[in-house]
Amino acid sequence: EGPVAMGYVDADSAANGQALELMVRGKPLPAKVVALPFVPHRYKR
């Protein structure tokens, strides 16, 4: 596992499971489009 982030992408790149390359502080990092919630809830009501 690693860091979690949210961002905006073009509609043609928004398919679930789509691999992307993000520029973070000038460095390219791999990313993947996933459905929300991307972190499971750990509480019970």
N, C-alpha and C. Protein backbone atom coordinates (compact mmCIF):
# COMPACT_ATOMS: atom_id res chain seq x y z
N GLU A 1 0.84 -1.18 0.00
CA GLU A 1 0.00 0.00 0.00
C GLU A 1 0.88 1.24 0.00
N GLY A 2 0.25 2.36 -0.29
CA GLY A 2 1.00 3.61 -0.35
C GLY A 2 0.09 4.79 -0.12
N PRO A 3 0.58 5.96 -0.44
CA PRO A 3 -0.22 7.18 -0.27
C PRO A 3 -1.50 7.15 -1.11
N VAL A 4 -2.50 7.88 -0.64
CA VAL A 4 -3.79 7.98 -1.33
C VAL A 4 -4.01 9.45 -1.69
N ALA A 5 -4.50 9.69 -2.91
CA ALA A 5 -4.75 11.07 -3.34
C ALA A 5 -5.97 11.10 -4.25
N MET A 6 -6.55 12.28 -4.38
CA MET A 6 -7.66 12.49 -5.32
C MET A 6 -7.27 13.61 -6.27
N GLY A 7 -7.77 13.52 -7.50
CA GLY A 7 -7.48 14.56 -8.46
C GLY A 7 -8.46 14.50 -9.62
N TYR A 8 -8.36 15.45 -10.51
CA TYR A 8 -9.21 15.53 -11.70
C TYR A 8 -8.44 15.02 -12.92
N VAL A 9 -9.12 14.23 -13.76
CA VAL A 9 -8.55 13.77 -15.02
C VAL A 9 -9.59 13.98 -16.12
N ASP A 10 -9.15 13.95 -17.37
CA ASP A 10 -10.07 14.05 -18.50
C ASP A 10 -11.02 12.85 -18.48
N ALA A 11 -12.22 13.04 -19.02
CA ALA A 11 -13.23 11.98 -19.02
C ALA A 11 -12.74 10.73 -19.75
N ASP A 12 -11.95 10.88 -20.81
CA ASP A 12 -11.46 9.71 -21.53
C ASP A 12 -10.41 8.93 -20.76
N SER A 13 -9.86 9.49 -19.68
CA SER A 13 -8.88 8.81 -18.83
C SER A 13 -9.47 8.34 -17.52
N ALA A 14 -10.79 8.47 -17.35
CA ALA A 14 -11.41 8.21 -16.05
C ALA A 14 -11.98 6.80 -15.90
N ALA A 15 -11.62 5.87 -16.76
CA ALA A 15 -12.13 4.50 -16.64
C ALA A 15 -11.52 3.82 -15.42
N ASN A 16 -12.34 3.06 -14.67
CA ASN A 16 -11.86 2.37 -13.49
C ASN A 16 -10.74 1.40 -13.86
N GLY A 17 -9.62 1.47 -13.17
CA GLY A 17 -8.47 0.62 -13.45
C GLY A 17 -7.47 1.22 -14.42
N GLN A 18 -7.78 2.36 -15.00
CA GLN A 18 -6.90 3.03 -15.97
C GLN A 18 -5.58 3.43 -15.30
N ALA A 19 -4.46 3.09 -15.91
CA ALA A 19 -3.14 3.48 -15.40
C ALA A 19 -2.82 4.89 -15.88
N LEU A 20 -2.29 5.70 -14.99
CA LEU A 20 -1.91 7.08 -15.30
C LEU A 20 -0.50 7.36 -14.81
N GLU A 21 0.09 8.41 -15.31
CA GLU A 21 1.38 8.90 -14.81
C GLU A 21 1.17 10.33 -14.35
N LEU A 22 1.44 10.59 -13.08
CA LEU A 22 1.25 11.91 -12.49
C LEU A 22 2.58 12.60 -12.31
N MET A 23 2.58 13.92 -12.43
CA MET A 23 3.77 14.70 -12.14
C MET A 23 3.61 15.28 -10.73
N VAL A 24 4.47 14.85 -9.81
CA VAL A 24 4.44 15.31 -8.43
C VAL A 24 5.79 15.92 -8.11
N ARG A 25 5.80 17.22 -7.87
CA ARG A 25 7.03 17.97 -7.61
C ARG A 25 8.07 17.74 -8.70
N GLY A 26 7.60 17.68 -9.94
CA GLY A 26 8.49 17.55 -11.08
C GLY A 26 8.93 16.13 -11.39
N LYS A 27 8.43 15.14 -10.65
CA LYS A 27 8.82 13.75 -10.89
C LYS A 27 7.59 12.95 -11.33
N PRO A 28 7.74 12.09 -12.34
CA PRO A 28 6.60 11.26 -12.77
C PRO A 28 6.39 10.09 -11.80
N LEU A 29 5.14 9.88 -11.39
CA LEU A 29 4.79 8.78 -10.50
C LEU A 29 3.63 7.99 -11.11
N PRO A 30 3.66 6.65 -10.98
CA PRO A 30 2.55 5.85 -11.50
C PRO A 30 1.32 6.00 -10.61
N ALA A 31 0.13 5.93 -11.22
CA ALA A 31 -1.13 6.02 -10.49
C ALA A 31 -2.16 5.16 -11.19
N LYS A 32 -3.29 4.91 -10.50
CA LYS A 32 -4.36 4.09 -11.05
C LYS A 32 -5.69 4.70 -10.63
N VAL A 33 -6.66 4.72 -11.55
CA VAL A 33 -8.01 5.21 -11.26
C VAL A 33 -8.77 4.09 -10.54
N VAL A 34 -9.36 4.42 -9.39
CA VAL A 34 -10.15 3.45 -8.63
C VAL A 34 -11.47 4.09 -8.22
N ALA A 35 -12.44 3.26 -7.88
CA ALA A 35 -13.75 3.75 -7.44
C ALA A 35 -13.70 4.17 -5.97
N LEU A 36 -14.56 5.10 -5.60
CA LEU A 36 -14.67 5.50 -4.20
C LEU A 36 -15.59 4.55 -3.46
N PRO A 37 -15.44 4.32 -2.18
CA PRO A 37 -14.32 4.76 -1.35
C PRO A 37 -13.12 3.87 -1.61
N PHE A 38 -11.95 4.46 -1.76
CA PHE A 38 -10.76 3.66 -2.07
C PHE A 38 -10.08 3.13 -0.82
N VAL A 39 -10.54 3.54 0.35
CA VAL A 39 -10.06 2.98 1.62
C VAL A 39 -11.28 2.45 2.35
N PRO A 40 -11.29 1.16 2.74
CA PRO A 40 -12.47 0.62 3.41
C PRO A 40 -12.71 1.27 4.77
N HIS A 41 -13.98 1.44 5.13
CA HIS A 41 -14.32 2.01 6.43
C HIS A 41 -13.99 1.01 7.52
N ARG A 42 -13.53 1.50 8.66
CA ARG A 42 -13.17 0.63 9.77
C ARG A 42 -14.02 0.89 10.99
N TYR A 43 -15.26 1.27 10.79
CA TYR A 43 -16.14 1.53 11.92
C TYR A 43 -17.47 0.82 11.71
N LYS A 44 -18.15 0.56 12.82
CA LYS A 44 -19.48 -0.04 12.79
C LYS A 44 -20.47 0.92 13.37
N ARG A 45 -21.66 0.96 12.80
CA ARG A 45 -22.71 1.81 13.35
C ARG A 45 -23.56 1.04 14.30
